[in-house]
Amino acid sequence: MKPIATLSLSLLITAFATPAAVIAAEPAKPLALRGIMQDLGRHMQTITLAIAHEDWAGVEKTAPLIAAHPQSPLSEKTRILSFIGTNLGKFKAHDHKTHEAAHHLMHAAQHQDGPAVISAFQSLQSGCLGCHQEFRKPFIQHFYGAK
């Protein structure tokens, strides 16, 4: 048999012999939202450290990065909204709470009001947690096939 024919036959046999589960197990390409969420996590860590050091300027500088975080590309946003479906109201409520809390956090930091900063940060974390508890697991299962 010619070398090219042998190679072609080997590839064909390998393709058919590879279990579907192995092919399906290839990781899905991460959505842009994953990067956005990772950035938001880093911003939350920055704010936590700034609060611990009473670095109100650091809190003030970082809070708007959360309040006005980048959006997913339109095609991805359409897929996400389609997945969320009838839960869109709940999703938007979590999002609104998070954005509002980040704005309150920024304003409290501008006034160097430690207790108000902590209260706004608690509200911000609660908004994040509520959304994550409601949507993260089904979202990951839907878009990445993870269990």
C-alpha atoms as a PDB file:
ATOM      1  CA  MET A   1       0.000   0.000   0.000  1.00  0.00           C
ATOM      2  CA  LYS A   2       1.256   3.514  -0.763  1.00  0.00           C
ATOM      3  CA  PRO A   3       2.339   5.624   2.256  1.00  0.00           C
ATOM      4  CA  ILE A   4      -0.342   8.291   1.679  1.00  0.00           C
ATOM      5  CA  ALA A   5      -3.062   5.648   1.422  1.00  0.00           C
ATOM      6  CA  THR A   6      -1.797   4.001   4.611  1.00  0.00           C
ATOM      7  CA  LEU A   7      -1.871   7.341   6.421  1.00  0.00           C
ATOM      8  CA  SER A   8      -5.377   8.101   5.168  1.00  0.00           C
ATOM      9  CA  LEU A   9      -6.616   4.667   6.198  1.00  0.00           C
ATOM     10  CA  SER A  10      -4.990   5.042   9.631  1.00  0.00           C
ATOM     11  CA  LEU A  11      -6.645   8.419  10.170  1.00  0.00           C
ATOM     12  CA  LEU A  12      -9.999   7.061   9.063  1.00  0.00           C
ATOM     13  CA  ILE A  13      -9.758   4.062  11.406  1.00  0.00           C
ATOM     14  CA  THR A  14      -8.671   6.318  14.284  1.00  0.00           C
ATOM     15  CA  ALA A  15     -11.575   8.694  13.663  1.00  0.00           C
ATOM     16  CA  PHE A  16     -14.127   5.890  13.762  1.00  0.00           C
ATOM     17  CA  ALA A  17     -12.459   4.127  16.673  1.00  0.00           C
ATOM     18  CA  THR A  18     -12.372   7.259  18.852  1.00  0.00           C
ATOM     19  CA  PRO A  19     -15.264   7.079  21.304  1.00  0.00           C
ATOM     20  CA  ALA A  20     -17.846   9.841  20.968  1.00  0.00           C
ATOM     21  CA  ALA A  21     -17.370  10.639  24.646  1.00  0.00           C
ATOM     22  CA  VAL A  22     -13.742  11.578  24.008  1.00  0.00           C
ATOM     23  CA  ILE A  23     -14.728  13.858  21.131  1.00  0.00           C
ATOM     24  CA  ALA A  24     -17.539  15.407  23.182  1.00  0.00           C
ATOM     25  CA  ALA A  25     -15.188  15.935  26.129  1.00  0.00           C
ATOM     26  CA  GLU A  26     -13.231  18.589  24.255  1.00  0.00           C
ATOM     27  CA  PRO A  27     -13.678  21.817  26.187  1.00  0.00           C
ATOM     28  CA  ALA A  28     -16.009  24.412  24.733  1.00  0.00           C
ATOM     29  CA  LYS A  29     -14.462  27.702  23.706  1.00  0.00           C
ATOM     30  CA  PRO A  30     -14.835  30.082  26.648  1.00  0.00           C
ATOM     31  CA  LEU A  31     -17.364  32.843  26.239  1.00  0.00           C
ATOM     32  CA  ALA A  32     -16.218  36.456  26.489  1.00  0.00           C
ATOM     33  CA  LEU A  33     -18.371  36.594  29.603  1.00  0.00           C
ATOM     34  CA  ARG A  34     -15.901  34.301  31.378  1.00  0.00           C
ATOM     35  CA  GLY A  35     -13.122  36.869  30.931  1.00  0.00           C
ATOM     36  CA  ILE A  36     -15.454  39.663  32.039  1.00  0.00           C
ATOM     37  CA  MET A  37     -16.354  37.713  35.180  1.00  0.00           C
ATOM     38  CA  GLN A  38     -12.694  36.988  35.919  1.00  0.00           C
ATOM     39  CA  ASP A  39     -11.926  40.713  35.638  1.00  0.00           C
ATOM     40  CA  LEU A  40     -14.836  41.488  37.967  1.00  0.00           C
ATOM     41  CA  GLY A  41     -13.431  38.982  40.458  1.00  0.00           C
ATOM     42  CA  ARG A  42     -10.058  40.720  40.371  1.00  0.00           C
ATOM     43  CA  HIS A  43     -11.762  44.091  40.876  1.00  0.00           C
ATOM     44  CA  MET A  44     -13.621  42.708  43.896  1.00  0.00           C
ATOM     45  CA  GLN A  45     -10.318  41.485  45.354  1.00  0.00           C
ATOM     46  CA  THR A  46      -8.747  44.897  44.751  1.00  0.00           C
ATOM     47  CA  ILE A  47     -11.629  46.591  46.558  1.00  0.00           C
ATOM     48  CA  THR A  48     -11.418  44.143  49.468  1.00  0.00           C
ATOM     49  CA  LEU A  49      -7.740  44.957  49.926  1.00  0.00           C
ATOM     50  CA  ALA A  50      -8.386  48.697  49.538  1.00  0.00           C
ATOM     51  CA  ILE A  51     -11.100  48.574  52.212  1.00  0.00           C
ATOM     52  CA  ALA A  52      -8.780  46.695  54.563  1.00  0.00           C
ATOM     53  CA  HIS A  53      -6.210  49.489  54.142  1.00  0.00           C
ATOM     54  CA  GLU A  54      -8.823  52.258  54.219  1.00  0.00           C
ATOM     55  CA  ASP A  55      -7.621  53.213  50.756  1.00  0.00           C
ATOM     56  CA  TRP A  56     -10.791  55.068  49.779  1.00  0.00           C
ATOM     57  CA  ALA A  57      -9.192  56.404  46.595  1.00  0.00           C
ATOM     58  CA  GLY A  58      -8.501  52.808  45.536  1.00  0.00           C
ATOM     59  CA  VAL A  59     -12.121  51.838  46.207  1.00  0.00           C
ATOM     60  CA  GLU A  60     -13.366  54.917  44.350  1.00  0.00           C
ATOM     61  CA  LYS A  61     -11.133  54.146  41.368  1.00  0.00           C
ATOM     62  CA  THR A  62     -12.105  50.456  41.153  1.00  0.00           C
ATOM     63  CA  ALA A  63     -15.865  50.562  41.836  1.00  0.00           C
ATOM     64  CA  PRO A  64     -16.723  52.080  38.420  1.00  0.00           C
ATOM     65  CA  LEU A  65     -14.906  49.182  36.739  1.00  0.00           C
ATOM     66  CA  ILE A  66     -17.583  46.956  38.256  1.00  0.00           C
ATOM     67  CA  ALA A  67     -20.502  49.333  37.741  1.00  0.00           C
ATOM     68  CA  ALA A  68     -19.706  49.844  34.053  1.00  0.00           C
ATOM     69  CA  HIS A  69     -18.073  46.536  33.193  1.00  0.00           C
ATOM     70  CA  PRO A  70     -17.768  45.557  29.531  1.00  0.00           C
ATOM     71  CA  GLN A  71     -20.629  43.692  27.906  1.00  0.00           C
ATOM     72  CA  SER A  72     -20.465  40.460  25.960  1.00  0.00           C
ATOM     73  CA  PRO A  73     -20.472  40.770  22.169  1.00  0.00           C
ATOM     74  CA  LEU A  74     -23.982  40.961  20.702  1.00  0.00           C
ATOM     75  CA  SER A  75     -23.953  37.422  19.284  1.00  0.00           C
ATOM     76  CA  GLU A  76     -22.913  36.021  22.663  1.00  0.00           C
ATOM     77  CA  LYS A  77     -25.400  38.198  24.528  1.00  0.00           C
ATOM     78  CA  THR A  78     -28.163  36.845  22.275  1.00  0.00           C
ATOM     79  CA  ARG A  79     -27.184  33.267  23.154  1.00  0.00           C
ATOM     80  CA  ILE A  80     -27.086  34.101  26.864  1.00  0.00           C
ATOM     81  CA  LEU A  81     -30.454  35.858  26.833  1.00  0.00           C
ATOM     82  CA  SER A  82     -31.967  32.958  24.907  1.00  0.00           C
ATOM     83  CA  PHE A  83     -30.695  30.583  27.591  1.00  0.00           C
ATOM     84  CA  ILE A  84     -31.989  32.773  30.439  1.00  0.00           C
ATOM     85  CA  GLY A  85     -35.408  32.899  28.779  1.00  0.00           C
ATOM     86  CA  THR A  86     -38.264  33.558  31.197  1.00  0.00           C
ATOM     87  CA  ASN A  87     -35.796  34.228  34.033  1.00  0.00           C
ATOM     88  CA  LEU A  88     -34.694  37.451  32.349  1.00  0.00           C
ATOM     89  CA  GLY A  89     -36.436  39.590  34.974  1.00  0.00           C
ATOM     90  CA  LYS A  90     -34.559  37.861  37.799  1.00  0.00           C
ATOM     91  CA  PHE A  91     -31.273  38.143  35.921  1.00  0.00           C
ATOM     92  CA  LYS A  92     -31.787  41.861  35.253  1.00  0.00           C
ATOM     93  CA  ALA A  93     -32.748  42.451  38.896  1.00  0.00           C
ATOM     94  CA  HIS A  94     -29.468  40.898  40.067  1.00  0.00           C
ATOM     95  CA  ASP A  95     -27.548  42.910  37.490  1.00  0.00           C
ATOM     96  CA  HIS A  96     -29.285  46.158  38.486  1.00  0.00           C
ATOM     97  CA  LYS A  97     -28.632  45.545  42.193  1.00  0.00           C
ATOM     98  CA  THR A  98     -24.965  44.916  41.453  1.00  0.00           C
ATOM     99  CA  HIS A  99     -24.537  48.036  39.323  1.00  0.00           C
ATOM    100  CA  GLU A 100     -26.366  50.241  41.838  1.00  0.00           C
ATOM    101  CA  ALA A 101     -24.314  48.882  44.732  1.00  0.00           C
ATOM    102  CA  ALA A 102     -21.082  49.574  42.837  1.00  0.00           C
ATOM    103  CA  HIS A 103     -22.212  53.185  42.276  1.00  0.00           C
ATOM    104  CA  HIS A 104     -23.072  53.557  45.985  1.00  0.00           C
ATOM    105  CA  LEU A 105     -19.686  52.087  46.828  1.00  0.00           C
ATOM    106  CA  MET A 106     -17.925  54.654  44.676  1.00  0.00           C
ATOM    107  CA  HIS A 107     -19.861  57.548  46.247  1.00  0.00           C
ATOM    108  CA  ALA A 108     -19.242  56.298  49.793  1.00  0.00           C
ATOM    109  CA  ALA A 109     -15.526  56.030  49.011  1.00  0.00           C
ATOM    110  CA  GLN A 110     -15.537  59.594  47.628  1.00  0.00           C
ATOM    111  CA  HIS A 111     -16.825  60.743  51.036  1.00  0.00           C
ATOM    112  CA  GLN A 112     -14.322  58.493  52.833  1.00  0.00           C
ATOM    113  CA  ASP A 113     -17.229  57.025  54.784  1.00  0.00           C
ATOM    114  CA  GLY A 114     -15.888  53.656  55.951  1.00  0.00           C
ATOM    115  CA  PRO A 115     -19.169  52.237  57.310  1.00  0.00           C
ATOM    116  CA  ALA A 116     -21.045  53.285  54.137  1.00  0.00           C
ATOM    117  CA  VAL A 117     -18.285  51.726  51.987  1.00  0.00           C
ATOM    118  CA  ILE A 118     -18.593  48.446  53.873  1.00  0.00           C
ATOM    119  CA  SER A 119     -22.397  48.507  53.624  1.00  0.00           C
ATOM    120  CA  ALA A 120     -22.281  49.189  49.872  1.00  0.00           C
ATOM    121  CA  PHE A 121     -19.658  46.482  49.387  1.00  0.00           C
ATOM    122  CA  GLN A 122     -21.820  44.013  51.300  1.00  0.00           C
ATOM    123  CA  SER A 123     -24.727  44.893  49.011  1.00  0.00           C
ATOM    124  CA  LEU A 124     -22.482  44.451  45.977  1.00  0.00           C
ATOM    125  CA  GLN A 125     -21.316  41.040  47.153  1.00  0.00           C
ATOM    126  CA  SER A 126     -24.901  40.010  47.891  1.00  0.00           C
ATOM    127  CA  GLY A 127     -25.906  40.958  44.350  1.00  0.00           C
ATOM    128  CA  CYS A 128     -23.074  38.901  42.903  1.00  0.00           C
ATOM    129  CA  LEU A 129     -23.810  35.950  45.166  1.00  0.00           C
ATOM    130  CA  GLY A 130     -27.541  35.969  44.392  1.00  0.00           C
ATOM    131  CA  CYS A 131     -26.907  35.878  40.656  1.00  0.00           C
ATOM    132  CA  HIS A 132     -24.219  33.224  40.963  1.00  0.00           C
ATOM    133  CA  GLN A 133     -26.376  30.986  43.156  1.00  0.00           C
ATOM    134  CA  GLU A 134     -29.282  31.226  40.763  1.00  0.00           C
ATOM    135  CA  PHE A 135     -27.543  31.144  37.385  1.00  0.00           C
ATOM    136  CA  ARG A 136     -23.915  30.002  37.509  1.00  0.00           C
ATOM    137  CA  LYS A 137     -24.371  26.215  37.718  1.00  0.00           C
ATOM    138  CA  PRO A 138     -27.043  25.929  34.996  1.00  0.00           C
ATOM    139  CA  PHE A 139     -25.124  28.438  32.871  1.00  0.00           C
ATOM    140  CA  ILE A 140     -21.911  26.411  33.069  1.00  0.00           C
ATOM    141  CA  GLN A 141     -23.794  23.184  32.374  1.00  0.00           C
ATOM    142  CA  HIS A 142     -25.513  24.705  29.344  1.00  0.00           C
ATOM    143  CA  PHE A 143     -22.551  26.471  27.755  1.00  0.00           C
ATOM    144  CA  TYR A 144     -19.681  24.221  28.815  1.00  0.00           C
ATOM    145  CA  GLY A 145     -21.315  20.873  29.498  1.00  0.00           C
ATOM    146  CA  ALA A 146     -19.788  20.722  32.967  1.00  0.00           C
ATOM    147  CA  LYS A 147     -21.706  18.953  35.690  1.00  0.00           C
END
